[in-house]
Full PDB file with SEQRES, HELIX, SHEET, SSBOND, CRYST1, ORIGX, SCALE, CONECT and MASTER records, all heavy atoms in Angstrom:
SEQRES   1 A   39  PHE CYS LEU TYR PRO PHE SER GLY GLY GLN THR LYS LEU          
SEQRES   2 A   39  VAL SER ARG ASN ARG ILE ALA ALA PRO SER ALA SER VAL          
SEQRES   3 A   39  PHE THR ARG VAL PHE ASN LEU LEU ILE MET GLU PRO GLY          
HELIX    1 AA1 SER A    7  GLY A    9  5                                   3    
HELIX    2 AA2 VAL A   26  PHE A   31  1                                   6    
HELIX    3 AA3 ASN A   32  MET A   36  3                                   5    
SHEET    1 AA1 2 CYS A   2  PHE A   6  0                                        
SHEET    2 AA1 2 GLN A  10  VAL A  14 -1                                        
CRYST1    1.000    1.000    1.000  90.00  90.00  90.00 P 1           1          
ORIGX1      1.000000  0.000000  0.000000        0.00000                         
ORIGX2      0.000000  1.000000  0.000000        0.00000                         
ORIGX3      0.000000  0.000000  1.000000        0.00000                         
SCALE1      1.000000  0.000000  0.000000        0.00000                         
SCALE2      0.000000  1.000000  0.000000        0.00000                         
SCALE3      0.000000  0.000000  1.000000        0.00000                         
ATOM      1  N   PHE A   1     118.241 111.246  22.603  1.00  0.00           N  
ATOM      2  CA  PHE A   1     117.013 110.487  22.357  1.00  0.00           C  
ATOM      3  C   PHE A   1     116.465 110.926  21.003  1.00  0.00           C  
ATOM      4  O   PHE A   1     116.223 112.117  20.793  1.00  0.00           O  
ATOM      5  CB  PHE A   1     115.953 110.780  23.427  1.00  0.00           C  
ATOM      6  CG  PHE A   1     116.351 110.379  24.820  1.00  0.00           C  
ATOM      7  CD1 PHE A   1     117.035 111.269  25.636  1.00  0.00           C  
ATOM      8  CD2 PHE A   1     116.034 109.126  25.317  1.00  0.00           C  
ATOM      9  CE1 PHE A   1     117.392 110.907  26.923  1.00  0.00           C  
ATOM     10  CE2 PHE A   1     116.389 108.761  26.599  1.00  0.00           C  
ATOM     11  CZ  PHE A   1     117.069 109.651  27.414  1.00  0.00           C  
ATOM     12  N   CYS A   2     116.255 109.969  20.107  1.00  0.00           N  
ATOM     13  CA  CYS A   2     115.735 110.315  18.785  1.00  0.00           C  
ATOM     14  C   CYS A   2     114.566 109.413  18.424  1.00  0.00           C  
ATOM     15  O   CYS A   2     114.535 108.233  18.787  1.00  0.00           O  
ATOM     16  CB  CYS A   2     116.830 110.190  17.725  1.00  0.00           C  
ATOM     17  SG  CYS A   2     118.159 111.393  17.930  1.00  0.00           S  
ATOM     18  N   LEU A   3     113.605 109.987  17.704  1.00  0.00           N  
ATOM     19  CA  LEU A   3     112.406 109.282  17.281  1.00  0.00           C  
ATOM     20  C   LEU A   3     112.412 109.124  15.764  1.00  0.00           C  
ATOM     21  O   LEU A   3     112.585 110.111  15.040  1.00  0.00           O  
ATOM     22  CB  LEU A   3     111.160 110.051  17.725  1.00  0.00           C  
ATOM     23  CG  LEU A   3     111.008 110.254  19.243  1.00  0.00           C  
ATOM     24  CD1 LEU A   3     109.782 111.121  19.539  1.00  0.00           C  
ATOM     25  CD2 LEU A   3     110.906 108.917  19.962  1.00  0.00           C  
ATOM     26  N   TYR A   4     112.218 107.880  15.308  1.00  0.00           N  
ATOM     27  CA  TYR A   4     112.241 107.578  13.878  1.00  0.00           C  
ATOM     28  C   TYR A   4     110.958 106.830  13.509  1.00  0.00           C  
ATOM     29  O   TYR A   4     110.839 105.625  13.770  1.00  0.00           O  
ATOM     30  CB  TYR A   4     113.463 106.731  13.528  1.00  0.00           C  
ATOM     31  CG  TYR A   4     114.781 107.406  13.846  1.00  0.00           C  
ATOM     32  CD1 TYR A   4     115.475 107.103  15.008  1.00  0.00           C  
ATOM     33  CD2 TYR A   4     115.314 108.362  12.982  1.00  0.00           C  
ATOM     34  CE1 TYR A   4     116.681 107.722  15.313  1.00  0.00           C  
ATOM     35  CE2 TYR A   4     116.527 108.990  13.274  1.00  0.00           C  
ATOM     36  CZ  TYR A   4     117.205 108.665  14.441  1.00  0.00           C  
ATOM     37  OH  TYR A   4     118.393 109.285  14.737  1.00  0.00           O  
ATOM     38  N   PRO A   5     109.968 107.523  12.929  1.00  0.00           N  
ATOM     39  CA  PRO A   5     108.725 106.855  12.521  1.00  0.00           C  
ATOM     40  C   PRO A   5     108.993 105.834  11.423  1.00  0.00           C  
ATOM     41  O   PRO A   5     109.867 106.018  10.578  1.00  0.00           O  
ATOM     42  CB  PRO A   5     107.855 108.004  11.998  1.00  0.00           C  
ATOM     43  CG  PRO A   5     108.480 109.253  12.529  1.00  0.00           C  
ATOM     44  CD  PRO A   5     109.943 108.966  12.634  1.00  0.00           C  
ATOM     45  N   PHE A   6     108.229 104.738  11.448  1.00  0.00           N  
ATOM     46  CA  PHE A   6     108.294 103.783  10.344  1.00  0.00           C  
ATOM     47  C   PHE A   6     106.895 103.222  10.107  1.00  0.00           C  
ATOM     48  O   PHE A   6     105.905 103.733  10.643  1.00  0.00           O  
ATOM     49  CB  PHE A   6     109.350 102.698  10.588  1.00  0.00           C  
ATOM     50  CG  PHE A   6     109.127 101.819  11.785  1.00  0.00           C  
ATOM     51  CD1 PHE A   6     108.595 100.551  11.640  1.00  0.00           C  
ATOM     52  CD2 PHE A   6     109.492 102.243  13.061  1.00  0.00           C  
ATOM     53  CE1 PHE A   6     108.403  99.721  12.730  1.00  0.00           C  
ATOM     54  CE2 PHE A   6     109.313 101.415  14.163  1.00  0.00           C  
ATOM     55  CZ  PHE A   6     108.760 100.154  14.000  1.00  0.00           C  
ATOM     56  N   SER A   7     106.779 102.199   9.294  1.00  0.00           N  
ATOM     57  CA  SER A   7     105.496 101.741   8.783  1.00  0.00           C  
ATOM     58  C   SER A   7     104.520 101.342   9.889  1.00  0.00           C  
ATOM     59  O   SER A   7     104.926 100.940  10.979  1.00  0.00           O  
ATOM     60  CB  SER A   7     105.706 100.544   7.852  1.00  0.00           C  
ATOM     61  OG  SER A   7     106.296  99.465   8.563  1.00  0.00           O  
ATOM     62  N   GLY A   8     103.232 101.466   9.554  1.00  0.00           N  
ATOM     63  CA  GLY A   8     102.191 101.016  10.455  1.00  0.00           C  
ATOM     64  C   GLY A   8     101.956 101.921  11.651  1.00  0.00           C  
ATOM     65  O   GLY A   8     101.401 101.478  12.661  1.00  0.00           O  
ATOM     66  N   GLY A   9     102.375 103.168  11.564  1.00  0.00           N  
ATOM     67  CA  GLY A   9     102.175 104.093  12.670  1.00  0.00           C  
ATOM     68  C   GLY A   9     103.082 103.841  13.854  1.00  0.00           C  
ATOM     69  O   GLY A   9     102.819 104.326  14.966  1.00  0.00           O  
ATOM     70  N   GLN A  10     104.166 103.105  13.653  1.00  0.00           N  
ATOM     71  CA  GLN A  10     105.108 102.809  14.727  1.00  0.00           C  
ATOM     72  C   GLN A  10     106.273 103.794  14.705  1.00  0.00           C  
ATOM     73  O   GLN A  10     106.521 104.485  13.721  1.00  0.00           O  
ATOM     74  CB  GLN A  10     105.637 101.386  14.589  1.00  0.00           C  
ATOM     75  CG  GLN A  10     104.565 100.319  14.669  1.00  0.00           C  
ATOM     76  CD  GLN A  10     105.172  98.923  14.630  1.00  0.00           C  
ATOM     77  OE1 GLN A  10     105.692  98.418  15.614  1.00  0.00           O  
ATOM     78  NE2 GLN A  10     105.116  98.303  13.465  1.00  0.00           N  
ATOM     79  N   THR A  11     106.988 103.825  15.813  1.00  0.00           N  
ATOM     80  CA  THR A  11     108.135 104.719  15.951  1.00  0.00           C  
ATOM     81  C   THR A  11     109.263 103.973  16.658  1.00  0.00           C  
ATOM     82  O   THR A  11     109.028 103.262  17.634  1.00  0.00           O  
ATOM     83  CB  THR A  11     107.770 105.963  16.788  1.00  0.00           C  
ATOM     84  OG1 THR A  11     106.643 106.621  16.198  1.00  0.00           O  
ATOM     85  CG2 THR A  11     108.937 106.940  16.849  1.00  0.00           C  
ATOM     86  N   LYS A  12     110.474 104.139  16.180  1.00  0.00           N  
ATOM     87  CA  LYS A  12     111.654 103.607  16.868  1.00  0.00           C  
ATOM     88  C   LYS A  12     112.220 104.716  17.753  1.00  0.00           C  
ATOM     89  O   LYS A  12     112.536 105.808  17.279  1.00  0.00           O  
ATOM     90  CB  LYS A  12     112.692 103.140  15.845  1.00  0.00           C  
ATOM     91  CG  LYS A  12     113.995 102.607  16.439  1.00  0.00           C  
ATOM     92  CD  LYS A  12     113.843 101.260  17.089  1.00  0.00           C  
ATOM     93  CE  LYS A  12     113.682 100.133  16.125  1.00  0.00           C  
ATOM     94  NZ  LYS A  12     114.886  99.756  15.387  1.00  0.00           N  
ATOM     95  N   LEU A  13     112.310 104.426  19.053  1.00  0.00           N  
ATOM     96  CA  LEU A  13     112.965 105.323  19.995  1.00  0.00           C  
ATOM     97  C   LEU A  13     114.381 104.823  20.198  1.00  0.00           C  
ATOM     98  O   LEU A  13     114.592 103.681  20.629  1.00  0.00           O  
ATOM     99  CB  LEU A  13     112.215 105.355  21.321  1.00  0.00           C  
ATOM    100  CG  LEU A  13     112.941 105.986  22.525  1.00  0.00           C  
ATOM    101  CD1 LEU A  13     113.307 107.441  22.258  1.00  0.00           C  
ATOM    102  CD2 LEU A  13     112.090 105.868  23.791  1.00  0.00           C  
ATOM    103  N   VAL A  14     115.354 105.658  19.887  1.00  0.00           N  
ATOM    104  CA  VAL A  14     116.766 105.294  20.012  1.00  0.00           C  
ATOM    105  C   VAL A  14     117.418 106.182  21.071  1.00  0.00           C  
ATOM    106  O   VAL A  14     117.299 107.408  21.023  1.00  0.00           O  
ATOM    107  CB  VAL A  14     117.512 105.441  18.672  1.00  0.00           C  
ATOM    108  CG1 VAL A  14     118.969 105.017  18.825  1.00  0.00           C  
ATOM    109  CG2 VAL A  14     116.835 104.614  17.580  1.00  0.00           C  
ATOM    110  N   SER A  15     118.072 105.539  22.018  1.00  0.00           N  
ATOM    111  CA  SER A  15     118.803 106.237  23.074  1.00  0.00           C  
ATOM    112  C   SER A  15     120.290 105.961  22.882  1.00  0.00           C  
ATOM    113  O   SER A  15     120.704 104.797  22.836  1.00  0.00           O  
ATOM    114  CB  SER A  15     118.352 105.737  24.454  1.00  0.00           C  
ATOM    115  OG  SER A  15     119.224 106.180  25.475  1.00  0.00           O  
ATOM    116  N   ARG A  16     121.064 107.029  22.760  1.00  0.00           N  
ATOM    117  CA  ARG A  16     122.510 106.862  22.569  1.00  0.00           C  
ATOM    118  C   ARG A  16     123.279 107.603  23.668  1.00  0.00           C  
ATOM    119  O   ARG A  16     123.045 108.790  23.904  1.00  0.00           O  
ATOM    120  CB  ARG A  16     122.941 107.370  21.196  1.00  0.00           C  
ATOM    121  CG  ARG A  16     124.467 107.318  20.973  1.00  0.00           C  
ATOM    122  CD  ARG A  16     124.829 107.599  19.526  1.00  0.00           C  
ATOM    123  NE  ARG A  16     124.406 106.489  18.661  1.00  0.00           N  
ATOM    124  CZ  ARG A  16     124.446 106.532  17.322  1.00  0.00           C  
ATOM    125  NH1 ARG A  16     124.881 107.615  16.720  1.00  0.00           N  
ATOM    126  NH2 ARG A  16     124.045 105.492  16.612  1.00  0.00           N  
ATOM    127  N   ASN A  17     124.179 106.885  24.319  1.00  0.00           N  
ATOM    128  CA  ASN A  17     125.065 107.475  25.320  1.00  0.00           C  
ATOM    129  C   ASN A  17     126.486 107.510  24.795  1.00  0.00           C  
ATOM    130  O   ASN A  17     126.998 106.496  24.306  1.00  0.00           O  
ATOM    131  CB  ASN A  17     125.031 106.658  26.618  1.00  0.00           C  
ATOM    132  CG  ASN A  17     123.825 106.955  27.473  1.00  0.00           C  
ATOM    133  OD1 ASN A  17     123.816 107.909  28.241  1.00  0.00           O  
ATOM    134  ND2 ASN A  17     122.790 106.133  27.341  1.00  0.00           N  
ATOM    135  N   ARG A  18     127.101 108.673  24.895  1.00  0.00           N  
ATOM    136  CA  ARG A  18     128.508 108.847  24.554  1.00  0.00           C  
ATOM    137  C   ARG A  18     129.188 109.373  25.814  1.00  0.00           C  
ATOM    138  O   ARG A  18     128.826 110.452  26.308  1.00  0.00           O  
ATOM    139  CB  ARG A  18     128.686 109.828  23.394  1.00  0.00           C  
ATOM    140  CG  ARG A  18     127.855 109.492  22.165  1.00  0.00           C  
ATOM    141  CD  ARG A  18     127.981 110.558  21.087  1.00  0.00           C  
ATOM    142  NE  ARG A  18     129.281 110.511  20.438  1.00  0.00           N  
ATOM    143  CZ  ARG A  18     129.570 109.739  19.383  1.00  0.00           C  
ATOM    144  NH1 ARG A  18     128.633 108.948  18.863  1.00  0.00           N  
ATOM    145  NH2 ARG A  18     130.759 109.755  18.847  1.00  0.00           N  
ATOM    146  N   ILE A  19     130.139 108.613  26.358  1.00  0.00           N  
ATOM    147  CA  ILE A  19     130.743 108.954  27.650  1.00  0.00           C  
ATOM    148  C   ILE A  19     132.257 108.912  27.537  1.00  0.00           C  
ATOM    149  O   ILE A  19     132.834 107.950  27.005  1.00  0.00           O  
ATOM    150  CB  ILE A  19     130.271 107.987  28.746  1.00  0.00           C  
ATOM    151  CG1 ILE A  19     128.747 108.060  28.902  1.00  0.00           C  
ATOM    152  CG2 ILE A  19     130.956 108.303  30.076  1.00  0.00           C  
ATOM    153  CD1 ILE A  19     128.175 107.029  29.840  1.00  0.00           C  
ATOM    154  N   ALA A  20     132.895 109.946  28.048  1.00  0.00           N  
ATOM    155  CA  ALA A  20     134.358 110.005  28.122  1.00  0.00           C  
ATOM    156  C   ALA A  20     134.781 109.964  29.584  1.00  0.00           C  
ATOM    157  O   ALA A  20     134.092 110.489  30.461  1.00  0.00           O  
ATOM    158  CB  ALA A  20     134.879 111.279  27.460  1.00  0.00           C  
ATOM    159  N   ALA A  21     135.914 109.328  29.834  1.00  0.00           N  
ATOM    160  CA  ALA A  21     136.453 109.257  31.190  1.00  0.00           C  
ATOM    161  C   ALA A  21     137.944 109.557  31.147  1.00  0.00           C  
ATOM    162  O   ALA A  21     138.780 108.677  31.365  1.00  0.00           O  
ATOM    163  CB  ALA A  21     136.195 107.876  31.796  1.00  0.00           C  
ATOM    164  N   PRO A  22     138.294 110.800  30.843  1.00  0.00           N  
ATOM    165  CA  PRO A  22     139.698 111.133  30.574  1.00  0.00           C  
ATOM    166  C   PRO A  22     140.644 110.943  31.746  1.00  0.00           C  
ATOM    167  O   PRO A  22     141.820 110.661  31.549  1.00  0.00           O  
ATOM    168  CB  PRO A  22     139.628 112.607  30.152  1.00  0.00           C  
ATOM    169  CG  PRO A  22     138.366 113.116  30.764  1.00  0.00           C  
ATOM    170  CD  PRO A  22     137.406 111.966  30.707  1.00  0.00           C  
ATOM    171  N   SER A  23     140.141 111.077  32.969  1.00  0.00           N  
ATOM    172  CA  SER A  23     141.035 110.981  34.126  1.00  0.00           C  
ATOM    173  C   SER A  23     140.820 109.711  34.936  1.00  0.00           C  
ATOM    174  O   SER A  23     141.339 109.587  36.048  1.00  0.00           O  
ATOM    175  CB  SER A  23     140.835 112.207  35.031  1.00  0.00           C  
ATOM    176  OG  SER A  23     139.495 112.294  35.468  1.00  0.00           O  
ATOM    177  N   ALA A  24     140.083 108.752  34.388  1.00  0.00           N  
ATOM    178  CA  ALA A  24     139.783 107.534  35.132  1.00  0.00           C  
ATOM    179  C   ALA A  24     141.018 106.658  35.294  1.00  0.00           C  
ATOM    180  O   ALA A  24     141.832 106.522  34.377  1.00  0.00           O  
ATOM    181  CB  ALA A  24     138.684 106.747  34.419  1.00  0.00           C  
ATOM    182  N   SER A  25     141.139 106.052  36.472  1.00  0.00           N  
ATOM    183  CA  SER A  25     142.235 105.120  36.729  1.00  0.00           C  
ATOM    184  C   SER A  25     141.964 103.801  36.011  1.00  0.00           C  
ATOM    185  O   SER A  25     140.846 103.544  35.526  1.00  0.00           O  
ATOM    186  CB  SER A  25     142.358 104.862  38.221  1.00  0.00           C  
ATOM    187  OG  SER A  25     141.203 104.196  38.711  1.00  0.00           O  
ATOM    188  N   VAL A  26     142.966 102.940  35.972  1.00  0.00           N  
ATOM    189  CA  VAL A  26     142.790 101.624  35.361  1.00  0.00           C  
ATOM    190  C   VAL A  26     141.704 100.848  36.103  1.00  0.00           C  
ATOM    191  O   VAL A  26     140.848 100.205  35.477  1.00  0.00           O  
ATOM    192  CB  VAL A  26     144.120 100.845  35.372  1.00  0.00           C  
ATOM    193  CG1 VAL A  26     143.886  99.407  34.905  1.00  0.00           C  
ATOM    194  CG2 VAL A  26     145.154 101.525  34.487  1.00  0.00           C  
ATOM    195  N   PHE A  27     141.699 100.911  37.423  1.00  0.00           N  
ATOM    196  CA  PHE A  27     140.676 100.212  38.205  1.00  0.00           C  
ATOM    197  C   PHE A  27     139.279 100.706  37.841  1.00  0.00           C  
ATOM    198  O   PHE A  27     138.356  99.914  37.647  1.00  0.00           O  
ATOM    199  CB  PHE A  27     140.924 100.410  39.704  1.00  0.00           C  
ATOM    200  CG  PHE A  27     139.820  99.848  40.559  1.00  0.00           C  
ATOM    201  CD1 PHE A  27     139.775  98.498  40.859  1.00  0.00           C  
ATOM    202  CD2 PHE A  27     138.808 100.673  41.040  1.00  0.00           C  
ATOM    203  CE1 PHE A  27     138.746  97.965  41.636  1.00  0.00           C  
ATOM    204  CE2 PHE A  27     137.764 100.158  41.813  1.00  0.00           C  
ATOM    205  CZ  PHE A  27     137.746  98.802  42.109  1.00  0.00           C  
ATOM    206  N   THR A  28     139.122 102.037  37.754  1.00  0.00           N  
ATOM    207  CA  THR A  28     137.817 102.607  37.415  1.00  0.00           C  
ATOM    208  C   THR A  28     137.381 102.184  36.027  1.00  0.00           C  
ATOM    209  O   THR A  28     136.202 101.865  35.805  1.00  0.00           O  
ATOM    210  CB  THR A  28     137.867 104.136  37.509  1.00  0.00           C  
ATOM    211  OG1 THR A  28     138.176 104.512  38.860  1.00  0.00           O  
ATOM    212  CG2 THR A  28     136.532 104.754  37.121  1.00  0.00           C  
ATOM    213  N   ARG A  29     138.299 102.155  35.092  1.00  0.00           N  
ATOM    214  CA  ARG A  29     137.943 101.747  33.733  1.00  0.00           C  
ATOM    215  C   ARG A  29     137.488 100.286  33.693  1.00  0.00           C  
ATOM    216  O   ARG A  29     136.523  99.941  33.004  1.00  0.00           O  
ATOM    217  CB  ARG A  29     139.128 101.967  32.784  1.00  0.00           C  
ATOM    218  CG  ARG A  29     139.426 103.439  32.522  1.00  0.00           C  
ATOM    219  CD  ARG A  29     140.606 103.628  31.588  1.00  0.00           C  
ATOM    220  NE  ARG A  29     140.913 105.037  31.414  1.00  0.00           N  
ATOM    221  CZ  ARG A  29     140.308 105.844  30.543  1.00  0.00           C  
ATOM    222  NH1 ARG A  29     139.376 105.339  29.742  1.00  0.00           N  
ATOM    223  NH2 ARG A  29     140.638 107.110  30.452  1.00  0.00           N  
ATOM    224  N   VAL A  30     138.170  99.418  34.440  1.00  0.00           N  
ATOM    225  CA  VAL A  30     137.784  98.007  34.485  1.00  0.00           C  
ATOM    226  C   VAL A  30     136.426  97.863  35.167  1.00  0.00           C  
ATOM    227  O   VAL A  30     135.565  97.101  34.710  1.00  0.00           O  
ATOM    228  CB  VAL A  30     138.860  97.173  35.208  1.00  0.00           C  
ATOM    229  CG1 VAL A  30     138.359  95.749  35.443  1.00  0.00           C  
ATOM    230  CG2 VAL A  30     140.149  97.157  34.405  1.00  0.00           C  
ATOM    231  N   PHE A  31     136.212  98.596  36.245  1.00  0.00           N  
ATOM    232  CA  PHE A  31     134.927  98.561  36.943  1.00  0.00           C  
ATOM    233  C   PHE A  31     133.798  99.033  36.030  1.00  0.00           C  
ATOM    234  O   PHE A  31     132.733  98.402  35.968  1.00  0.00           O  
ATOM    235  CB  PHE A  31     135.003  99.438  38.198  1.00  0.00           C  
ATOM    236  CG  PHE A  31     133.720  99.467  38.996  1.00  0.00           C  
ATOM    237  CD1 PHE A  31     133.414  98.446  39.867  1.00  0.00           C  
ATOM    238  CD2 PHE A  31     132.830 100.526  38.861  1.00  0.00           C  
ATOM    239  CE1 PHE A  31     132.231  98.461  40.601  1.00  0.00           C  
ATOM    240  CE2 PHE A  31     131.637 100.556  39.590  1.00  0.00           C  
ATOM    241  CZ  PHE A  31     131.339  99.517  40.458  1.00  0.00           C  
ATOM    242  N   ASN A  32     134.024 100.124  35.323  1.00  0.00           N  
ATOM    243  CA  ASN A  32     133.010 100.632  34.393  1.00  0.00           C  
ATOM    244  C   ASN A  32     132.700  99.620  33.305  1.00  0.00           C  
ATOM    245  O   ASN A  32     131.531  99.422  32.924  1.00  0.00           O  
ATOM    246  CB  ASN A  32     133.478 101.940  33.761  1.00  0.00           C  
ATOM    247  CG  ASN A  32     133.470 103.100  34.741  1.00  0.00           C  
ATOM    248  OD1 ASN A  32     132.852 103.041  35.803  1.00  0.00           O  
ATOM    249  ND2 ASN A  32     134.182 104.167  34.402  1.00  0.00           N  
ATOM    250  N   LEU A  33     133.739  98.980  32.805  1.00  0.00           N  
ATOM    251  CA  LEU A  33     133.588  98.023  31.708  1.00  0.00           C  
ATOM    252  C   LEU A  33     132.793  96.792  32.134  1.00  0.00           C  
ATOM    253  O   LEU A  33     131.846  96.381  31.452  1.00  0.00           O  
ATOM    254  CB  LEU A  33     134.974  97.604  31.207  1.00  0.00           C  
ATOM    255  CG  LEU A  33     135.027  96.515  30.135  1.00  0.00           C  
ATOM    256  CD1 LEU A  33     134.422  97.016  28.840  1.00  0.00           C  
ATOM    257  CD2 LEU A  33     136.470  96.060  29.909  1.00  0.00           C  
ATOM    258  N   LEU A  34     133.149  96.219  33.278  1.00  0.00           N  
ATOM    259  CA  LEU A  34     132.596  94.918  33.659  1.00  0.00           C  
ATOM    260  C   LEU A  34     131.377  95.001  34.572  1.00  0.00           C  
ATOM    261  O   LEU A  34     130.605  94.044  34.656  1.00  0.00           O  
ATOM    262  CB  LEU A  34     133.686  94.082  34.344  1.00  0.00           C  
ATOM    263  CG  LEU A  34     134.911  93.768  33.487  1.00  0.00           C  
ATOM    264  CD1 LEU A  34     135.919  92.961  34.284  1.00  0.00           C  
ATOM    265  CD2 LEU A  34     134.518  93.019  32.210  1.00  0.00           C  
ATOM    266  N   ILE A  35     131.197  96.119  35.243  1.00  0.00           N  
ATOM    267  CA  ILE A  35     130.085  96.259  36.184  1.00  0.00           C  
ATOM    268  C   ILE A  35     129.074  97.308  35.717  1.00  0.00           C  
ATOM    269  O   ILE A  35     127.874  97.048  35.616  1.00  0.00           O  
ATOM    270  CB  ILE A  35     130.586  96.619  37.597  1.00  0.00           C  
ATOM    271  CG1 ILE A  35     131.607  95.578  38.084  1.00  0.00           C  
ATOM    272  CG2 ILE A  35     129.412  96.732  38.556  1.00  0.00           C  
ATOM    273  CD1 ILE A  35     131.067  94.166  38.191  1.00  0.00           C  
ATOM    274  N   MET A  36     129.560  98.513  35.424  1.00  0.00           N  
ATOM    275  CA  MET A  36     128.648  99.604  35.086  1.00  0.00           C  
ATOM    276  C   MET A  36     127.982  99.404  33.729  1.00  0.00           C  
ATOM    277  O   MET A  36     126.803  99.741  33.557  1.00  0.00           O  
ATOM    278  CB  MET A  36     129.389 100.940  35.125  1.00  0.00           C  
ATOM    279  CG  MET A  36     129.920 101.315  36.509  1.00  0.00           C  
ATOM    280  SD  MET A  36     128.606 101.391  37.755  1.00  0.00           S  
ATOM    281  CE  MET A  36     127.734 102.861  37.210  1.00  0.00           C  
ATOM    282  N   GLU A  37     128.704  98.873  32.757  1.00  0.00           N  
ATOM    283  CA  GLU A  37     128.087  98.655  31.437  1.00  0.00           C  
ATOM    284  C   GLU A  37     126.905  97.684  31.518  1.00  0.00           C  
ATOM    285  O   GLU A  37     125.806  98.015  31.067  1.00  0.00           O  
ATOM    286  CB  GLU A  37     129.131  98.153  30.436  1.00  0.00           C  
ATOM    287  CG  GLU A  37     130.019  99.242  29.877  1.00  0.00           C  
ATOM    288  CD  GLU A  37     130.930  98.739  28.770  1.00  0.00           C  
ATOM    289  OE1 GLU A  37     130.684  97.611  28.261  1.00  0.00           O  
ATOM    290  OE2 GLU A  37     131.867  99.452  28.409  1.00  0.00           O  
ATOM    291  N   PRO A  38     127.077  96.480  32.097  1.00  0.00           N  
ATOM    292  CA  PRO A  38     125.910  95.597  32.223  1.00  0.00           C  
ATOM    293  C   PRO A  38     124.818  96.203  33.097  1.00  0.00           C  
ATOM    294  O   PRO A  38     123.622  96.038  32.814  1.00  0.00           O  
ATOM    295  CB  PRO A  38     126.499  94.327  32.868  1.00  0.00           C  
ATOM    296  CG  PRO A  38     127.950  94.360  32.511  1.00  0.00           C  
ATOM    297  CD  PRO A  38     128.320  95.808  32.512  1.00  0.00           C  
ATOM    298  N   GLY A  39     125.211  96.925  34.146  1.00  0.00           N  
ATOM    299  CA  GLY A  39     124.213  97.581  34.991  1.00  0.00           C  
ATOM    300  C   GLY A  39     123.418  98.623  34.234  1.00  0.00           C  
ATOM    301  O   GLY A  39     122.208  98.776  34.449  1.00  0.00           O  
TER     302      GLY A  39                                                      
MASTER        0    0    0    3    2    0    0    6  301    1    0    3          
END                                                                             
């Protein structure tokens, strides 16, 4: 989570997720891609 102030007293809040799934099966990867990402 990072905060970046900009004009007018406003701030941009940026949330970044970096996730690895080294042992995931093909089914799990497809499920994560099509279901978990939109969720």
